[in-house]
Amino acid sequence: MRLVGLNLAAFLAAVALLIGADIRLVAQPPGAPAAQPPAADPKLDGHLDAWGKQMGGLTNFHAKFNLTRKPGAGAAFQNARSYKGSILVMKPMYARLRLDSTTNKDDYEAFICNGKSLYAYSGLDKTITEFPLSGNEAGGSNLMLDIVRGMTAQQAKQRFQIALFKEDPNYIYLDIKPTTGADQQEFLQLRLALYGPNVKAPGAVPYMPAQVWKMSPNQDTEVWEFTDLQTNIPGIEPKVFDYQAIPGWQTKKWQPPPPMGAGPPPAPGK
């Protein structure tokens, strides 16, 4: 079971700010073969290092965003959907995200990470799903939980193909592709636009996320555009990220899928 409706793009941008100088993106799944280190790219490595140093001074950040979801070419009778939302992140591992459809008041998603669990809210399903962040609950196989836990930039570069797509006076574009079958079930390609080190646009902050484009395995795409960036906001405390129940909604805890090839459980007494 994948995280219900969880949006990879926004959390990638958020976690990049959570982790400070390490730029922790993903963890190597248990049992996965060690990948060969990618060829060095001095420009890419320089930007990753500068990104980490810049973000290391942050304690929290807040941003608004516009999201557009478009179905793949093979999807019939489906139109693009638009959302508006906001995200708040605080070190070491706190986050809140909410997005609301611009056309359907019941179509919304929300996420709270309190450092111990991640809670996913689905307005359409009226459910709250808890994903524990400690112990072996996730089995190391869920990409989103791996991202929240975090690892180093070097491990990310071993797990993904990360390339410097292009640069211009205002932006740095990173192209990210998964190299393992498990990750390819989550997304096929991610393109992250960061504000460049010498950006002069009003309200822009060097190495903060500006836009994220993601393609899913079914060819659906998402475009996230971040605005109104704020950093080191005073008065943000852990209680802001407390779990919130909703009367009448179903609450459940995520259960990891059984290992591949596992047979049925033995009969009682066997």
C-alpha atoms as a PDB file:
ATOM      1  CA  MET A   1       0.000   0.000   0.000  1.00  0.00           C
ATOM      2  CA  ARG A   2       1.411   3.348  -1.009  1.00  0.00           C
ATOM      3  CA  LEU A   3       0.876   6.511   0.947  1.00  0.00           C
ATOM      4  CA  VAL A   4      -2.692   7.502   0.205  1.00  0.00           C
ATOM      5  CA  GLY A   5      -2.541  10.527  -2.069  1.00  0.00           C
ATOM      6  CA  LEU A   6       0.767  11.640  -0.617  1.00  0.00           C
ATOM      7  CA  ASN A   7       2.451  14.204  -2.807  1.00  0.00           C
ATOM      8  CA  LEU A   8       6.092  13.488  -3.428  1.00  0.00           C
ATOM      9  CA  ALA A   9       6.947  16.815  -4.992  1.00  0.00           C
ATOM     10  CA  ALA A  10       6.025  19.082  -2.102  1.00  0.00           C
ATOM     11  CA  PHE A  11       7.717  16.898   0.486  1.00  0.00           C
ATOM     12  CA  LEU A  12      10.875  16.650  -1.589  1.00  0.00           C
ATOM     13  CA  ALA A  13      11.042  20.420  -1.591  1.00  0.00           C
ATOM     14  CA  ALA A  14      10.240  20.551   2.114  1.00  0.00           C
ATOM     15  CA  VAL A  15      12.700  17.900   3.202  1.00  0.00           C
ATOM     16  CA  ALA A  16      15.459  19.592   1.237  1.00  0.00           C
ATOM     17  CA  LEU A  17      15.059  22.440   3.709  1.00  0.00           C
ATOM     18  CA  LEU A  18      14.577  20.263   6.779  1.00  0.00           C
ATOM     19  CA  ILE A  19      17.941  18.591   6.641  1.00  0.00           C
ATOM     20  CA  GLY A  20      20.409  21.440   6.603  1.00  0.00           C
ATOM     21  CA  ALA A  21      23.917  20.899   5.299  1.00  0.00           C
ATOM     22  CA  ASP A  22      23.428  17.210   4.445  1.00  0.00           C
ATOM     23  CA  ILE A  23      20.596  17.742   1.920  1.00  0.00           C
ATOM     24  CA  ARG A  24      19.069  14.427   2.995  1.00  0.00           C
ATOM     25  CA  LEU A  25      16.746  13.127   0.332  1.00  0.00           C
ATOM     26  CA  VAL A  26      16.326   9.359   0.532  1.00  0.00           C
ATOM     27  CA  ALA A  27      17.532   6.229   2.289  1.00  0.00           C
ATOM     28  CA  GLN A  28      18.934   3.119   0.633  1.00  0.00           C
ATOM     29  CA  PRO A  29      16.310   0.347   1.031  1.00  0.00           C
ATOM     30  CA  PRO A  30      17.436  -2.673   3.066  1.00  0.00           C
ATOM     31  CA  GLY A  31      18.862  -5.433   0.904  1.00  0.00           C
ATOM     32  CA  ALA A  32      19.246  -3.246  -2.176  1.00  0.00           C
ATOM     33  CA  PRO A  33      22.531  -3.729  -4.053  1.00  0.00           C
ATOM     34  CA  ALA A  34      24.998  -0.898  -3.721  1.00  0.00           C
ATOM     35  CA  ALA A  35      24.902   1.318  -6.779  1.00  0.00           C
ATOM     36  CA  GLN A  36      28.048   2.488  -8.498  1.00  0.00           C
ATOM     37  CA  PRO A  37      28.898   6.102  -7.635  1.00  0.00           C
ATOM     38  CA  PRO A  38      27.831   8.429 -10.468  1.00  0.00           C
ATOM     39  CA  ALA A  39      30.404  10.320 -12.454  1.00  0.00           C
ATOM     40  CA  ALA A  40      31.408  13.550 -10.760  1.00  0.00           C
ATOM     41  CA  ASP A  41      29.843  16.759 -12.059  1.00  0.00           C
ATOM     42  CA  PRO A  42      31.654  19.717 -10.475  1.00  0.00           C
ATOM     43  CA  LYS A  43      28.818  22.125 -11.253  1.00  0.00           C
ATOM     44  CA  LEU A  44      26.162  19.819  -9.787  1.00  0.00           C
ATOM     45  CA  ASP A  45      28.241  19.046  -6.708  1.00  0.00           C
ATOM     46  CA  GLY A  46      28.915  22.750  -6.213  1.00  0.00           C
ATOM     47  CA  HIS A  47      25.210  23.557  -6.299  1.00  0.00           C
ATOM     48  CA  LEU A  48      24.354  20.696  -3.921  1.00  0.00           C
ATOM     49  CA  ASP A  49      27.013  21.889  -1.479  1.00  0.00           C
ATOM     50  CA  ALA A  50      25.821  25.497  -1.697  1.00  0.00           C
ATOM     51  CA  TRP A  51      22.209  24.354  -1.329  1.00  0.00           C
ATOM     52  CA  GLY A  52      23.091  22.504   1.863  1.00  0.00           C
ATOM     53  CA  LYS A  53      25.017  25.424   3.347  1.00  0.00           C
ATOM     54  CA  GLN A  54      22.232  27.872   2.556  1.00  0.00           C
ATOM     55  CA  MET A  55      19.545  25.644   4.031  1.00  0.00           C
ATOM     56  CA  GLY A  56      21.624  24.793   7.087  1.00  0.00           C
ATOM     57  CA  GLY A  57      20.791  28.164   8.596  1.00  0.00           C
ATOM     58  CA  LEU A  58      17.025  27.630   8.400  1.00  0.00           C
ATOM     59  CA  THR A  59      14.886  26.583  11.360  1.00  0.00           C
ATOM     60  CA  ASN A  60      11.564  26.654   9.507  1.00  0.00           C
ATOM     61  CA  PHE A  61       9.908  27.810   6.314  1.00  0.00           C
ATOM     62  CA  HIS A  62       6.421  28.404   4.957  1.00  0.00           C
ATOM     63  CA  ALA A  63       5.218  28.639   1.374  1.00  0.00           C
ATOM     64  CA  LYS A  64       2.011  28.755  -0.596  1.00  0.00           C
ATOM     65  CA  PHE A  65       1.659  26.802  -3.807  1.00  0.00           C
ATOM     66  CA  ASN A  66      -0.478  26.202  -6.863  1.00  0.00           C
ATOM     67  CA  LEU A  67      -0.750  22.609  -8.093  1.00  0.00           C
ATOM     68  CA  THR A  68      -1.936  21.377 -11.483  1.00  0.00           C
ATOM     69  CA  ARG A  69      -2.540  17.669 -12.049  1.00  0.00           C
ATOM     70  CA  LYS A  70      -2.896  16.448 -15.627  1.00  0.00           C
ATOM     71  CA  PRO A  71      -3.898  12.895 -16.613  1.00  0.00           C
ATOM     72  CA  GLY A  72      -1.697  10.913 -18.973  1.00  0.00           C
ATOM     73  CA  ALA A  73      -2.358  10.779 -22.693  1.00  0.00           C
ATOM     74  CA  GLY A  74      -4.153   7.431 -22.358  1.00  0.00           C
ATOM     75  CA  ALA A  75      -6.636   8.658 -19.740  1.00  0.00           C
ATOM     76  CA  ALA A  76     -10.114   9.075 -21.202  1.00  0.00           C
ATOM     77  CA  PHE A  77     -12.689  11.630 -20.053  1.00  0.00           C
ATOM     78  CA  GLN A  78     -10.397  13.212 -17.477  1.00  0.00           C
ATOM     79  CA  ASN A  79      -9.503  16.865 -17.232  1.00  0.00           C
ATOM     80  CA  ALA A  80      -6.701  18.699 -15.524  1.00  0.00           C
ATOM     81  CA  ARG A  81      -7.373  19.520 -11.861  1.00  0.00           C
ATOM     82  CA  SER A  82      -6.136  22.591 -10.028  1.00  0.00           C
ATOM     83  CA  TYR A  83      -5.388  23.010  -6.327  1.00  0.00           C
ATOM     84  CA  LYS A  84      -4.149  25.679  -3.975  1.00  0.00           C
ATOM     85  CA  GLY A  85      -2.377  25.009  -0.719  1.00  0.00           C
ATOM     86  CA  SER A  86       0.369  25.749   1.742  1.00  0.00           C
ATOM     87  CA  ILE A  87       3.210  23.952   3.499  1.00  0.00           C
ATOM     88  CA  LEU A  88       4.959  24.636   6.804  1.00  0.00           C
ATOM     89  CA  VAL A  89       8.180  22.842   7.773  1.00  0.00           C
ATOM     90  CA  MET A  90      10.311  23.006  10.924  1.00  0.00           C
ATOM     91  CA  LYS A  91      13.515  21.209  11.911  1.00  0.00           C
ATOM     92  CA  PRO A  92      14.233  18.531  12.796  1.00  0.00           C
ATOM     93  CA  MET A  93      11.282  16.660  11.260  1.00  0.00           C
ATOM     94  CA  TYR A  94       7.999  18.560  11.502  1.00  0.00           C
ATOM     95  CA  ALA A  95       5.721  19.399   8.587  1.00  0.00           C
ATOM     96  CA  ARG A  96       2.164  20.412   7.727  1.00  0.00           C
ATOM     97  CA  LEU A  97       0.732  20.448   4.222  1.00  0.00           C
ATOM     98  CA  ARG A  98      -2.763  21.064   2.911  1.00  0.00           C
ATOM     99  CA  LEU A  99      -4.097  21.333  -0.611  1.00  0.00           C
ATOM    100  CA  ASP A 100      -7.654  22.166  -1.697  1.00  0.00           C
ATOM    101  CA  SER A 101      -9.308  21.709  -5.059  1.00  0.00           C
ATOM    102  CA  THR A 102     -10.330  24.957  -6.742  1.00  0.00           C
ATOM    103  CA  THR A 103     -13.587  23.349  -7.954  1.00  0.00           C
ATOM    104  CA  ASN A 104     -14.612  20.673  -5.396  1.00  0.00           C
ATOM    105  CA  LYS A 105     -14.697  21.598  -1.701  1.00  0.00           C
ATOM    106  CA  ASP A 106     -14.591  17.905  -0.684  1.00  0.00           C
ATOM    107  CA  ASP A 107     -11.462  17.198  -2.712  1.00  0.00           C
ATOM    108  CA  TYR A 108      -8.630  18.080  -0.363  1.00  0.00           C
ATOM    109  CA  GLU A 109      -5.627  16.414   1.238  1.00  0.00           C
ATOM    110  CA  ALA A 110      -3.680  17.279   4.358  1.00  0.00           C
ATOM    111  CA  PHE A 111      -0.559  15.897   6.028  1.00  0.00           C
ATOM    112  CA  ILE A 112       0.918  16.362   9.492  1.00  0.00           C
ATOM    113  CA  CYS A 113       4.348  15.057  10.475  1.00  0.00           C
ATOM    114  CA  ASN A 114       5.077  15.403  14.209  1.00  0.00           C
ATOM    115  CA  GLY A 115       8.473  13.699  14.087  1.00  0.00           C
ATOM    116  CA  LYS A 116       7.053  10.358  15.267  1.00  0.00           C
ATOM    117  CA  SER A 117       4.291   9.679  12.754  1.00  0.00           C
ATOM    118  CA  LEU A 118       3.024  11.032   9.465  1.00  0.00           C
ATOM    119  CA  TYR A 119      -0.768  11.487   9.255  1.00  0.00           C
ATOM    120  CA  ALA A 120      -2.428  11.565   5.832  1.00  0.00           C
ATOM    121  CA  TYR A 121      -5.934  13.080   5.581  1.00  0.00           C
ATOM    122  CA  SER A 122      -8.204  12.363   2.591  1.00  0.00           C
ATOM    123  CA  GLY A 123     -11.244  14.613   2.222  1.00  0.00           C
ATOM    124  CA  LEU A 124     -12.841  12.427  -0.436  1.00  0.00           C
ATOM    125  CA  ASP A 125     -12.445   9.219   1.588  1.00  0.00           C
ATOM    126  CA  LYS A 126     -12.962  10.789   5.027  1.00  0.00           C
ATOM    127  CA  THR A 127      -9.975   8.839   6.358  1.00  0.00           C
ATOM    128  CA  ILE A 128      -6.853   9.576   8.413  1.00  0.00           C
ATOM    129  CA  THR A 129      -3.969   7.137   7.901  1.00  0.00           C
ATOM    130  CA  GLU A 130      -1.047   7.045  10.335  1.00  0.00           C
ATOM    131  CA  PHE A 131       2.410   6.119   9.019  1.00  0.00           C
ATOM    132  CA  PRO A 132       4.846   5.569  11.924  1.00  0.00           C
ATOM    133  CA  LEU A 133       8.331   6.960  11.338  1.00  0.00           C
ATOM    134  CA  SER A 134      10.181   4.780  13.827  1.00  0.00           C
ATOM    135  CA  GLY A 135      10.801   1.052  14.119  1.00  0.00           C
ATOM    136  CA  ASN A 136      10.264  -1.319  11.218  1.00  0.00           C
ATOM    137  CA  GLU A 137       6.694  -0.405  10.304  1.00  0.00           C
ATOM    138  CA  ALA A 138       7.574   0.781   6.811  1.00  0.00           C
ATOM    139  CA  GLY A 139      10.001  -2.017   6.118  1.00  0.00           C
ATOM    140  CA  GLY A 140      12.271   0.485   4.401  1.00  0.00           C
ATOM    141  CA  SER A 141      10.373   0.044   1.136  1.00  0.00           C
ATOM    142  CA  ASN A 142       8.177   3.131   1.094  1.00  0.00           C
ATOM    143  CA  LEU A 143       9.809   5.992  -0.768  1.00  0.00           C
ATOM    144  CA  MET A 144       7.916   8.726   1.016  1.00  0.00           C
ATOM    145  CA  LEU A 145       8.785   7.461   4.479  1.00  0.00           C
ATOM    146  CA  ASP A 146      12.389   7.070   3.376  1.00  0.00           C
ATOM    147  CA  ILE A 147      12.393  10.709   2.304  1.00  0.00           C
ATOM    148  CA  VAL A 148      10.995  11.897   5.620  1.00  0.00           C
ATOM    149  CA  ARG A 149      13.605   9.897   7.546  1.00  0.00           C
ATOM    150  CA  GLY A 150      16.364  11.298   5.362  1.00  0.00           C
ATOM    151  CA  MET A 151      19.881  10.322   4.346  1.00  0.00           C
ATOM    152  CA  THR A 152      22.828  12.055   2.714  1.00  0.00           C
ATOM    153  CA  ALA A 153      23.167  13.638  -0.706  1.00  0.00           C
ATOM    154  CA  GLN A 154      25.721  10.979  -1.673  1.00  0.00           C
ATOM    155  CA  GLN A 155      23.215   8.211  -0.944  1.00  0.00           C
ATOM    156  CA  ALA A 156      20.600  10.078  -2.947  1.00  0.00           C
ATOM    157  CA  LYS A 157      22.978  10.284  -5.896  1.00  0.00           C
ATOM    158  CA  GLN A 158      23.543   6.522  -5.647  1.00  0.00           C
ATOM    159  CA  ARG A 159      19.829   5.770  -5.620  1.00  0.00           C
ATOM    160  CA  PHE A 160      18.790   8.303  -8.274  1.00  0.00           C
ATOM    161  CA  GLN A 161      20.184   9.785 -11.432  1.00  0.00           C
ATOM    162  CA  ILE A 162      20.550  13.463 -10.519  1.00  0.00           C
ATOM    163  CA  ALA A 163      21.685  15.803 -13.263  1.00  0.00           C
ATOM    164  CA  LEU A 164      22.034  19.541 -13.660  1.00  0.00           C
ATOM    165  CA  PHE A 165      19.523  20.056 -16.475  1.00  0.00           C
ATOM    166  CA  LYS A 166      20.216  23.737 -17.117  1.00  0.00           C
ATOM    167  CA  GLU A 167      20.910  27.093 -15.512  1.00  0.00           C
ATOM    168  CA  ASP A 168      19.788  30.640 -16.182  1.00  0.00           C
ATOM    169  CA  PRO A 169      20.254  33.925 -14.276  1.00  0.00           C
ATOM    170  CA  ASN A 170      17.402  33.109 -11.870  1.00  0.00           C
ATOM    171  CA  TYR A 171      17.090  29.321 -11.632  1.00  0.00           C
ATOM    172  CA  ILE A 172      18.926  26.016 -11.336  1.00  0.00           C
ATOM    173  CA  TYR A 173      17.119  23.006 -12.799  1.00  0.00           C
ATOM    174  CA  LEU A 174      17.782  19.514 -11.402  1.00  0.00           C
ATOM    175  CA  ASP A 175      16.597  16.436 -13.294  1.00  0.00           C
ATOM    176  CA  ILE A 176      15.955  13.416 -11.036  1.00  0.00           C
ATOM    177  CA  LYS A 177      15.162   9.881 -12.213  1.00  0.00           C
ATOM    178  CA  PRO A 178      14.798   6.683 -10.136  1.00  0.00           C
ATOM    179  CA  THR A 179      17.067   3.739 -10.852  1.00  0.00           C
ATOM    180  CA  THR A 180      15.292   0.953  -8.917  1.00  0.00           C
ATOM    181  CA  GLY A 181      12.056  -0.809  -9.769  1.00  0.00           C
ATOM    182  CA  ALA A 182      10.487   0.074  -6.428  1.00  0.00           C
ATOM    183  CA  ASP A 183      11.151   3.795  -6.890  1.00  0.00           C
ATOM    184  CA  GLN A 184       9.993   3.676 -10.503  1.00  0.00           C
ATOM    185  CA  GLN A 185       6.586   2.625  -9.202  1.00  0.00           C
ATOM    186  CA  GLU A 186       6.418   5.993  -7.423  1.00  0.00           C
ATOM    187  CA  PHE A 187       7.607   8.332 -10.184  1.00  0.00           C
ATOM    188  CA  LEU A 188       9.431   8.262 -13.502  1.00  0.00           C
ATOM    189  CA  GLN A 189      10.957  11.712 -13.539  1.00  0.00           C
ATOM    190  CA  LEU A 190      11.173  14.756 -11.312  1.00  0.00           C
ATOM    191  CA  ARG A 191      12.410  18.186 -12.371  1.00  0.00           C
ATOM    192  CA  LEU A 192      13.168  20.594  -9.545  1.00  0.00           C
ATOM    193  CA  ALA A 193      13.717  24.308 -10.176  1.00  0.00           C
ATOM    194  CA  LEU A 194      15.621  26.098  -7.406  1.00  0.00           C
ATOM    195  CA  TYR A 195      16.242  29.812  -7.233  1.00  0.00           C
ATOM    196  CA  GLY A 196      19.795  30.474  -8.343  1.00  0.00           C
ATOM    197  CA  PRO A 197      22.573  31.789  -6.096  1.00  0.00           C
ATOM    198  CA  ASN A 198      22.439  35.264  -7.663  1.00  0.00           C
ATOM    199  CA  VAL A 199      18.686  35.619  -8.126  1.00  0.00           C
ATOM    200  CA  LYS A 200      17.410  39.206  -7.973  1.00  0.00           C
ATOM    201  CA  ALA A 201      13.640  38.648  -8.282  1.00  0.00           C
ATOM    202  CA  PRO A 202      11.538  40.170  -5.471  1.00  0.00           C
ATOM    203  CA  GLY A 203      10.747  37.625  -2.751  1.00  0.00           C
ATOM    204  CA  ALA A 204      13.118  34.997  -4.159  1.00  0.00           C
ATOM    205  CA  VAL A 205      15.570  33.235  -1.851  1.00  0.00           C
ATOM    206  CA  PRO A 206      18.671  31.472  -3.239  1.00  0.00           C
ATOM    207  CA  TYR A 207      18.319  27.682  -3.371  1.00  0.00           C
ATOM    208  CA  MET A 208      14.692  27.710  -2.210  1.00  0.00           C
ATOM    209  CA  PRO A 209      12.307  25.655  -4.405  1.00  0.00           C
ATOM    210  CA  ALA A 210      10.455  27.610  -7.068  1.00  0.00           C
ATOM    211  CA  GLN A 211       8.775  24.855  -9.102  1.00  0.00           C
ATOM    212  CA  VAL A 212       8.542  21.060  -9.195  1.00  0.00           C
ATOM    213  CA  TRP A 213       7.396  18.954 -12.143  1.00  0.00           C
ATOM    214  CA  LYS A 214       6.706  15.244 -11.646  1.00  0.00           C
ATOM    215  CA  MET A 215       5.710  12.414 -13.990  1.00  0.00           C
ATOM    216  CA  SER A 216       4.079   9.293 -12.542  1.00  0.00           C
ATOM    217  CA  PRO A 217       4.317   5.755 -13.989  1.00  0.00           C
ATOM    218  CA  ASN A 218       0.870   6.157 -15.585  1.00  0.00           C
ATOM    219  CA  GLN A 219       2.139   9.302 -17.365  1.00  0.00           C
ATOM    220  CA  ASP A 220       0.106  11.622 -15.135  1.00  0.00           C
ATOM    221  CA  THR A 221       1.969  14.845 -14.405  1.00  0.00           C
ATOM    222  CA  GLU A 222       1.963  17.391 -11.594  1.00  0.00           C
ATOM    223  CA  VAL A 223       3.327  20.929 -11.556  1.00  0.00           C
ATOM    224  CA  TRP A 224       3.900  22.680  -8.224  1.00  0.00           C
ATOM    225  CA  GLU A 225       4.583  26.427  -8.196  1.00  0.00           C
ATOM    226  CA  PHE A 226       5.708  27.890  -4.854  1.00  0.00           C
ATOM    227  CA  THR A 227       5.044  31.501  -3.811  1.00  0.00           C
ATOM    228  CA  ASP A 228       5.175  33.740  -0.733  1.00  0.00           C
ATOM    229  CA  LEU A 229       8.242  32.027   0.721  1.00  0.00           C
ATOM    230  CA  GLN A 230       9.004  32.847   4.356  1.00  0.00           C
ATOM    231  CA  THR A 231      11.953  31.560   6.392  1.00  0.00           C
ATOM    232  CA  ASN A 232      12.820  31.456  10.102  1.00  0.00           C
ATOM    233  CA  ILE A 233       9.361  32.551  11.189  1.00  0.00           C
ATOM    234  CA  PRO A 234       9.268  33.390  14.928  1.00  0.00           C
ATOM    235  CA  GLY A 235       6.844  31.604  17.263  1.00  0.00           C
ATOM    236  CA  ILE A 236       6.638  28.259  15.409  1.00  0.00           C
ATOM    237  CA  GLU A 237       6.624  25.459  18.025  1.00  0.00           C
ATOM    238  CA  PRO A 238       6.233  21.641  17.934  1.00  0.00           C
ATOM    239  CA  LYS A 239       2.620  21.893  19.142  1.00  0.00           C
ATOM    240  CA  VAL A 240       1.735  23.461  15.793  1.00  0.00           C
ATOM    241  CA  PHE A 241       2.295  19.980  14.319  1.00  0.00           C
ATOM    242  CA  ASP A 242       0.153  18.012  16.790  1.00  0.00           C
ATOM    243  CA  TYR A 243      -2.137  15.334  15.376  1.00  0.00           C
ATOM    244  CA  GLN A 244      -5.737  16.517  14.971  1.00  0.00           C
ATOM    245  CA  ALA A 245      -8.662  14.083  14.932  1.00  0.00           C
ATOM    246  CA  ILE A 246     -11.809  14.776  12.901  1.00  0.00           C
ATOM    247  CA  PRO A 247     -15.136  13.525  14.329  1.00  0.00           C
ATOM    248  CA  GLY A 248     -16.790  10.948  12.101  1.00  0.00           C
ATOM    249  CA  TRP A 249     -13.683  10.142  10.089  1.00  0.00           C
ATOM    250  CA  GLN A 250     -12.113   6.676   9.982  1.00  0.00           C
ATOM    251  CA  THR A 251      -8.644   6.522  11.553  1.00  0.00           C
ATOM    252  CA  LYS A 252      -6.314   3.663  10.663  1.00  0.00           C
ATOM    253  CA  LYS A 253      -2.646   2.727  10.891  1.00  0.00           C
ATOM    254  CA  TRP A 254      -0.740   1.765   7.788  1.00  0.00           C
ATOM    255  CA  GLN A 255       0.242  -1.890   7.527  1.00  0.00           C
ATOM    256  CA  PRO A 256       3.216  -2.815   5.315  1.00  0.00           C
ATOM    257  CA  PRO A 257       2.510  -5.265   2.496  1.00  0.00           C
ATOM    258  CA  PRO A 258       3.651  -8.883   2.973  1.00  0.00           C
ATOM    259  CA  PRO A 259       7.026  -9.827   1.473  1.00  0.00           C
ATOM    260  CA  MET A 260       6.970 -10.888  -2.172  1.00  0.00           C
ATOM    261  CA  GLY A 261       6.273 -14.604  -2.455  1.00  0.00           C
ATOM    262  CA  ALA A 262       5.071 -14.946   1.119  1.00  0.00           C
ATOM    263  CA  GLY A 263       2.432 -17.641   1.486  1.00  0.00           C
ATOM    264  CA  PRO A 264      -0.702 -17.529   3.649  1.00  0.00           C
ATOM    265  CA  PRO A 265      -0.254 -17.646   7.442  1.00  0.00           C
ATOM    266  CA  PRO A 266      -0.228 -21.144   8.998  1.00  0.00           C
ATOM    267  CA  ALA A 267      -3.440 -22.577  10.386  1.00  0.00           C
ATOM    268  CA  PRO A 268      -3.974 -22.223  14.153  1.00  0.00           C
ATOM    269  CA  GLY A 269      -2.001 -24.831  16.085  1.00  0.00           C
ATOM    270  CA  LYS A 270       0.450 -25.495  13.266  1.00  0.00           C
END
